[in-house]
Amino acid sequence: MSGYAVRNDGQGWRAVDGKDDVGVDEWYCLDNPPDPVSLPLTFKELEMKAKDDRDKLLAIAANRMGPLQDAVDTDNATVDELEYLKLWKQYRIALNRIDKQDGFPQVIDWPVTPDGIPNL
């Protein structure tokens, strides 16, 4: 009877003819084998993902800041717009400093937008 040799670490499986074909680091399964478990990201992959996420948030910040900066540049900004722009700038600074946090990239304390919406 055929079945599957499933890796103990959950990283995959292979078809086998029977229990005798199962290796030391595997277990035998007759039914459909479980979906493989994803490997945890490496430090470098975590770092790249964090910086990619940061860059997406920076693009959102730039889109929010643009009209506010336009109002400032054309002397049309209200007091509220000036304060809101300052908050967005502080948010952008905090985003640019995430790689300086203790625990980066495994643990990131993402800043909250000036709208009060948490990121990620």
N, C-alpha and C. Protein backbone atom coordinates (compact mmCIF):
# COMPACT_ATOMS: atom_id res chain seq x y z
N MET A 1 0.85 -1.17 0.00
CA MET A 1 0.00 0.00 0.00
C MET A 1 0.89 1.24 0.00
N SER A 2 0.60 2.20 -0.82
CA SER A 2 1.42 3.40 -0.89
C SER A 2 0.87 4.48 0.04
N GLY A 3 1.73 5.40 0.38
CA GLY A 3 1.36 6.50 1.25
C GLY A 3 2.37 7.61 1.11
N TYR A 4 2.57 8.33 2.19
CA TYR A 4 3.46 9.48 2.16
C TYR A 4 4.42 9.45 3.35
N ALA A 5 5.63 9.87 3.10
CA ALA A 5 6.61 10.08 4.15
C ALA A 5 6.64 11.59 4.40
N VAL A 6 6.17 11.99 5.57
CA VAL A 6 6.06 13.41 5.90
C VAL A 6 7.22 13.78 6.81
N ARG A 7 7.90 14.85 6.46
CA ARG A 7 9.04 15.29 7.27
C ARG A 7 8.57 15.72 8.66
N ASN A 8 9.34 15.36 9.67
CA ASN A 8 8.98 15.72 11.05
C ASN A 8 8.96 17.23 11.27
N ASP A 9 9.77 17.96 10.51
CA ASP A 9 9.80 19.42 10.67
C ASP A 9 8.67 20.11 9.91
N GLY A 10 7.84 19.31 9.22
CA GLY A 10 6.69 19.88 8.51
C GLY A 10 7.03 20.55 7.20
N GLN A 11 8.27 20.44 6.75
CA GLN A 11 8.71 21.16 5.55
C GLN A 11 8.35 20.48 4.24
N GLY A 12 7.73 19.33 4.29
CA GLY A 12 7.31 18.69 3.04
C GLY A 12 7.06 17.21 3.23
N TRP A 13 6.82 16.56 2.12
CA TRP A 13 6.54 15.14 2.13
C TRP A 13 6.92 14.57 0.78
N ARG A 14 6.91 13.22 0.71
CA ARG A 14 7.18 12.54 -0.55
C ARG A 14 6.35 11.26 -0.59
N ALA A 15 6.01 10.82 -1.79
CA ALA A 15 5.26 9.58 -1.95
C ALA A 15 6.20 8.40 -1.73
N VAL A 16 5.70 7.38 -1.02
CA VAL A 16 6.49 6.18 -0.74
C VAL A 16 5.60 4.95 -0.99
N ASP A 17 6.24 3.80 -1.15
CA ASP A 17 5.51 2.56 -1.38
C ASP A 17 4.93 1.98 -0.10
N GLY A 18 5.54 2.29 1.04
CA GLY A 18 5.05 1.75 2.30
C GLY A 18 5.85 2.28 3.47
N LYS A 19 5.51 1.79 4.67
CA LYS A 19 6.15 2.25 5.89
C LYS A 19 7.66 2.01 5.89
N ASP A 20 8.10 1.00 5.19
CA ASP A 20 9.52 0.68 5.17
C ASP A 20 10.36 1.73 4.44
N ASP A 21 9.71 2.56 3.64
CA ASP A 21 10.43 3.60 2.88
C ASP A 21 10.54 4.93 3.62
N VAL A 22 10.04 4.97 4.84
CA VAL A 22 10.03 6.21 5.63
C VAL A 22 11.38 6.36 6.34
N GLY A 23 11.97 7.55 6.24
CA GLY A 23 13.26 7.82 6.87
C GLY A 23 13.13 8.11 8.35
N VAL A 24 14.27 8.28 9.00
CA VAL A 24 14.31 8.54 10.45
C VAL A 24 13.63 9.85 10.82
N ASP A 25 13.75 10.85 9.96
CA ASP A 25 13.17 12.17 10.23
C ASP A 25 11.81 12.35 9.59
N GLU A 26 11.10 11.25 9.38
CA GLU A 26 9.80 11.30 8.71
C GLU A 26 8.80 10.42 9.46
N TRP A 27 7.54 10.64 9.17
CA TRP A 27 6.48 9.77 9.67
C TRP A 27 5.60 9.37 8.51
N TYR A 28 4.94 8.24 8.65
CA TYR A 28 4.14 7.65 7.56
C TYR A 28 2.71 8.15 7.64
N CYS A 29 2.16 8.45 6.47
CA CYS A 29 0.80 8.98 6.38
C CYS A 29 0.10 8.31 5.20
N LEU A 30 -1.08 7.74 5.43
CA LEU A 30 -1.85 7.12 4.35
C LEU A 30 -2.73 8.14 3.64
N ASP A 31 -3.30 9.06 4.40
CA ASP A 31 -4.21 10.06 3.85
C ASP A 31 -3.41 11.15 3.14
N ASN A 32 -4.13 12.14 2.64
CA ASN A 32 -3.45 13.29 2.05
C ASN A 32 -2.50 13.89 3.08
N PRO A 33 -1.27 14.13 2.68
CA PRO A 33 -0.32 14.69 3.65
C PRO A 33 -0.69 16.13 4.00
N PRO A 34 -0.27 16.59 5.18
CA PRO A 34 -0.57 17.98 5.55
C PRO A 34 0.20 18.96 4.67
N ASP A 35 -0.34 20.15 4.57
CA ASP A 35 0.37 21.20 3.83
C ASP A 35 1.69 21.49 4.52
N PRO A 36 2.72 21.73 3.73
CA PRO A 36 4.03 22.04 4.33
C PRO A 36 3.97 23.32 5.16
N VAL A 37 4.74 23.33 6.22
CA VAL A 37 4.86 24.50 7.09
C VAL A 37 5.94 25.40 6.50
N SER A 38 5.66 26.66 6.40
CA SER A 38 6.65 27.60 5.86
C SER A 38 7.83 27.73 6.81
N LEU A 39 9.00 27.83 6.24
CA LEU A 39 10.19 28.09 7.04
C LEU A 39 10.12 29.52 7.57
N PRO A 40 10.62 29.76 8.77
CA PRO A 40 10.67 31.14 9.24
C PRO A 40 11.61 31.96 8.37
N LEU A 41 11.31 33.23 8.25
CA LEU A 41 12.15 34.11 7.45
C LEU A 41 13.52 34.27 8.09
N THR A 42 14.53 34.39 7.26
CA THR A 42 15.88 34.65 7.77
C THR A 42 15.96 36.10 8.25
N PHE A 43 17.02 36.42 8.96
CA PHE A 43 17.22 37.79 9.43
C PHE A 43 17.19 38.76 8.25
N LYS A 44 17.90 38.40 7.18
CA LYS A 44 17.98 39.27 6.00
C LYS A 44 16.60 39.43 5.35
N GLU A 45 15.83 38.33 5.26
CA GLU A 45 14.50 38.40 4.69
C GLU A 45 13.58 39.27 5.54
N LEU A 46 13.68 39.13 6.86
CA LEU A 46 12.89 39.97 7.77
C LEU A 46 13.24 41.45 7.59
N GLU A 47 14.54 41.70 7.48
CA GLU A 47 15.01 43.07 7.30
C GLU A 47 14.49 43.65 5.99
N MET A 48 14.57 42.87 4.92
CA MET A 48 14.09 43.35 3.62
C MET A 48 12.58 43.59 3.64
N LYS A 49 11.82 42.69 4.29
CA LYS A 49 10.37 42.86 4.37
C LYS A 49 10.02 44.10 5.18
N ALA A 50 10.70 44.30 6.30
CA ALA A 50 10.43 45.47 7.13
C ALA A 50 10.70 46.76 6.36
N LYS A 51 11.80 46.80 5.64
CA LYS A 51 12.13 48.00 4.88
C LYS A 51 11.16 48.20 3.71
N ASP A 52 10.70 47.12 3.12
CA ASP A 52 9.69 47.23 2.06
C ASP A 52 8.38 47.77 2.63
N ASP A 53 7.96 47.24 3.78
CA ASP A 53 6.75 47.74 4.44
C ASP A 53 6.91 49.21 4.80
N ARG A 54 8.08 49.56 5.34
CA ARG A 54 8.36 50.96 5.69
C ARG A 54 8.24 51.85 4.46
N ASP A 55 8.80 51.42 3.34
CA ASP A 55 8.77 52.23 2.13
C ASP A 55 7.34 52.44 1.62
N LYS A 56 6.50 51.42 1.78
CA LYS A 56 5.09 51.58 1.39
C LYS A 56 4.40 52.61 2.28
N LEU A 57 4.71 52.56 3.58
CA LEU A 57 4.13 53.53 4.49
C LEU A 57 4.66 54.94 4.24
N LEU A 58 5.93 55.04 3.85
CA LEU A 58 6.49 56.34 3.50
C LEU A 58 5.80 56.93 2.28
N ALA A 59 5.45 56.08 1.33
CA ALA A 59 4.73 56.56 0.13
C ALA A 59 3.35 57.08 0.51
N ILE A 60 2.69 56.39 1.42
CA ILE A 60 1.38 56.86 1.89
C ILE A 60 1.54 58.21 2.59
N ALA A 61 2.56 58.31 3.42
CA ALA A 61 2.81 59.57 4.13
C ALA A 61 3.07 60.71 3.15
N ALA A 62 3.85 60.43 2.12
CA ALA A 62 4.15 61.47 1.12
C ALA A 62 2.87 61.93 0.43
N ASN A 63 1.95 61.00 0.15
CA ASN A 63 0.68 61.37 -0.48
C ASN A 63 -0.19 62.22 0.44
N ARG A 64 -0.12 61.96 1.73
CA ARG A 64 -0.89 62.77 2.69
C ARG A 64 -0.25 64.15 2.88
N MET A 65 1.08 64.18 2.86
CA MET A 65 1.80 65.43 3.12
C MET A 65 1.79 66.38 1.93
N GLY A 66 1.74 65.85 0.74
CA GLY A 66 1.83 66.69 -0.47
C GLY A 66 0.86 67.86 -0.49
N PRO A 67 -0.45 67.60 -0.36
CA PRO A 67 -1.40 68.71 -0.39
C PRO A 67 -1.20 69.70 0.76
N LEU A 68 -0.78 69.17 1.93
CA LEU A 68 -0.53 70.06 3.06
C LEU A 68 0.67 70.95 2.79
N GLN A 69 1.72 70.36 2.22
CA GLN A 69 2.91 71.15 1.88
C GLN A 69 2.59 72.16 0.79
N ASP A 70 1.73 71.78 -0.16
CA ASP A 70 1.30 72.72 -1.20
C ASP A 70 0.62 73.95 -0.58
N ALA A 71 -0.22 73.70 0.41
CA ALA A 71 -0.91 74.81 1.08
C ALA A 71 0.10 75.71 1.78
N VAL A 72 1.12 75.11 2.40
CA VAL A 72 2.16 75.90 3.06
C VAL A 72 2.94 76.69 2.02
N ASP A 73 3.35 76.04 0.94
CA ASP A 73 4.17 76.68 -0.09
C ASP A 73 3.46 77.84 -0.78
N THR A 74 2.15 77.80 -0.82
CA THR A 74 1.40 78.87 -1.48
C THR A 74 0.76 79.84 -0.49
N ASP A 75 1.23 79.78 0.75
CA ASP A 75 0.72 80.64 1.82
C ASP A 75 -0.79 80.53 2.00
N ASN A 76 -1.32 79.31 1.82
CA ASN A 76 -2.75 79.07 1.99
C ASN A 76 -3.04 78.10 3.13
N ALA A 77 -2.05 77.74 3.92
CA ALA A 77 -2.24 76.75 4.97
C ALA A 77 -2.93 77.35 6.18
N THR A 78 -3.86 76.57 6.72
CA THR A 78 -4.51 76.96 7.97
C THR A 78 -3.63 76.52 9.13
N VAL A 79 -3.94 76.98 10.32
CA VAL A 79 -3.20 76.57 11.51
C VAL A 79 -3.30 75.06 11.68
N ASP A 80 -4.50 74.52 11.46
CA ASP A 80 -4.70 73.07 11.58
C ASP A 80 -3.86 72.30 10.55
N GLU A 81 -3.79 72.80 9.34
CA GLU A 81 -3.00 72.14 8.30
C GLU A 81 -1.51 72.17 8.63
N LEU A 82 -1.06 73.29 9.19
CA LEU A 82 0.35 73.38 9.59
C LEU A 82 0.68 72.34 10.67
N GLU A 83 -0.21 72.21 11.64
CA GLU A 83 0.00 71.23 12.71
C GLU A 83 -0.08 69.80 12.17
N TYR A 84 -1.02 69.56 11.28
CA TYR A 84 -1.19 68.23 10.69
C TYR A 84 0.04 67.85 9.87
N LEU A 85 0.59 68.80 9.13
CA LEU A 85 1.80 68.55 8.34
C LEU A 85 2.97 68.21 9.27
N LYS A 86 3.07 68.92 10.37
CA LYS A 86 4.14 68.65 11.33
C LYS A 86 4.01 67.22 11.88
N LEU A 87 2.78 66.80 12.18
CA LEU A 87 2.56 65.44 12.68
C LEU A 87 2.96 64.40 11.65
N TRP A 88 2.64 64.64 10.39
CA TRP A 88 3.02 63.71 9.32
C TRP A 88 4.54 63.66 9.17
N LYS A 89 5.19 64.80 9.33
CA LYS A 89 6.65 64.81 9.24
C LYS A 89 7.27 64.02 10.39
N GLN A 90 6.71 64.17 11.58
CA GLN A 90 7.21 63.41 12.73
C GLN A 90 6.99 61.90 12.52
N TYR A 91 5.85 61.56 11.94
CA TYR A 91 5.56 60.17 11.62
C TYR A 91 6.58 59.63 10.63
N ARG A 92 6.87 60.41 9.60
CA ARG A 92 7.83 59.99 8.58
C ARG A 92 9.22 59.80 9.19
N ILE A 93 9.61 60.68 10.09
CA ILE A 93 10.90 60.54 10.78
C ILE A 93 10.92 59.23 11.57
N ALA A 94 9.83 58.95 12.29
CA ALA A 94 9.75 57.71 13.07
C ALA A 94 9.84 56.48 12.17
N LEU A 95 9.21 56.53 11.01
CA LEU A 95 9.30 55.41 10.06
C LEU A 95 10.74 55.20 9.61
N ASN A 96 11.42 56.28 9.35
CA ASN A 96 12.80 56.18 8.87
C ASN A 96 13.76 55.68 9.95
N ARG A 97 13.31 55.65 11.19
CA ARG A 97 14.18 55.21 12.29
C ARG A 97 13.84 53.82 12.81
N ILE A 98 12.95 53.09 12.15
CA ILE A 98 12.58 51.77 12.67
C ILE A 98 13.77 50.83 12.76
N ASP A 99 14.73 50.99 11.86
CA ASP A 99 15.89 50.09 11.88
C ASP A 99 16.83 50.38 13.04
N LYS A 100 16.59 51.44 13.78
CA LYS A 100 17.40 51.78 14.95
C LYS A 100 16.80 51.20 16.24
N GLN A 101 15.60 50.62 16.14
CA GLN A 101 14.93 50.07 17.31
C GLN A 101 15.62 48.80 17.79
N ASP A 102 15.62 48.60 19.11
CA ASP A 102 16.10 47.33 19.65
C ASP A 102 15.18 46.23 19.15
N GLY A 103 15.76 45.14 18.71
CA GLY A 103 14.96 44.02 18.25
C GLY A 103 14.67 44.02 16.76
N PHE A 104 15.01 45.11 16.06
CA PHE A 104 14.78 45.18 14.62
C PHE A 104 15.63 44.11 13.94
N PRO A 105 15.14 43.38 12.99
CA PRO A 105 13.83 43.45 12.34
C PRO A 105 12.81 42.46 12.90
N GLN A 106 13.19 41.67 13.92
CA GLN A 106 12.24 40.69 14.45
C GLN A 106 11.07 41.35 15.16
N VAL A 107 11.34 42.44 15.87
CA VAL A 107 10.30 43.15 16.60
C VAL A 107 10.36 44.62 16.20
N ILE A 108 9.23 45.12 15.72
CA ILE A 108 9.18 46.53 15.29
C ILE A 108 7.99 47.20 15.95
N ASP A 109 8.24 48.33 16.57
CA ASP A 109 7.18 49.15 17.14
C ASP A 109 6.82 50.19 16.07
N TRP A 110 5.85 49.84 15.23
CA TRP A 110 5.49 50.73 14.13
C TRP A 110 4.81 51.98 14.68
N PRO A 111 5.19 53.15 14.18
CA PRO A 111 4.51 54.38 14.63
C PRO A 111 3.07 54.42 14.13
N VAL A 112 2.28 55.16 14.85
CA VAL A 112 0.87 55.33 14.49
C VAL A 112 0.74 56.59 13.63
N THR A 113 -0.07 56.50 12.60
CA THR A 113 -0.26 57.67 11.71
C THR A 113 -0.88 58.82 12.47
N PRO A 114 -0.74 60.03 11.96
CA PRO A 114 -1.40 61.18 12.61
C PRO A 114 -2.92 61.02 12.67
N ASP A 115 -3.46 60.14 11.83
CA ASP A 115 -4.91 59.87 11.86
C ASP A 115 -5.26 58.91 12.99
N GLY A 116 -4.22 58.39 13.68
CA GLY A 116 -4.46 57.46 14.77
C GLY A 116 -4.64 56.03 14.31
N ILE A 117 -4.29 55.75 13.07
CA ILE A 117 -4.45 54.41 12.52
C ILE A 117 -3.12 53.66 12.67
N PRO A 118 -3.13 52.56 13.42
CA PRO A 118 -1.88 51.78 13.56
C PRO A 118 -1.48 51.18 12.21
N ASN A 119 -0.21 51.01 12.03
CA ASN A 119 0.30 50.40 10.81
C ASN A 119 0.51 48.92 11.01
N LEU A 120 0.40 48.22 9.95
CA LEU A 120 0.73 46.79 9.87
C LEU A 120 0.26 45.98 11.02
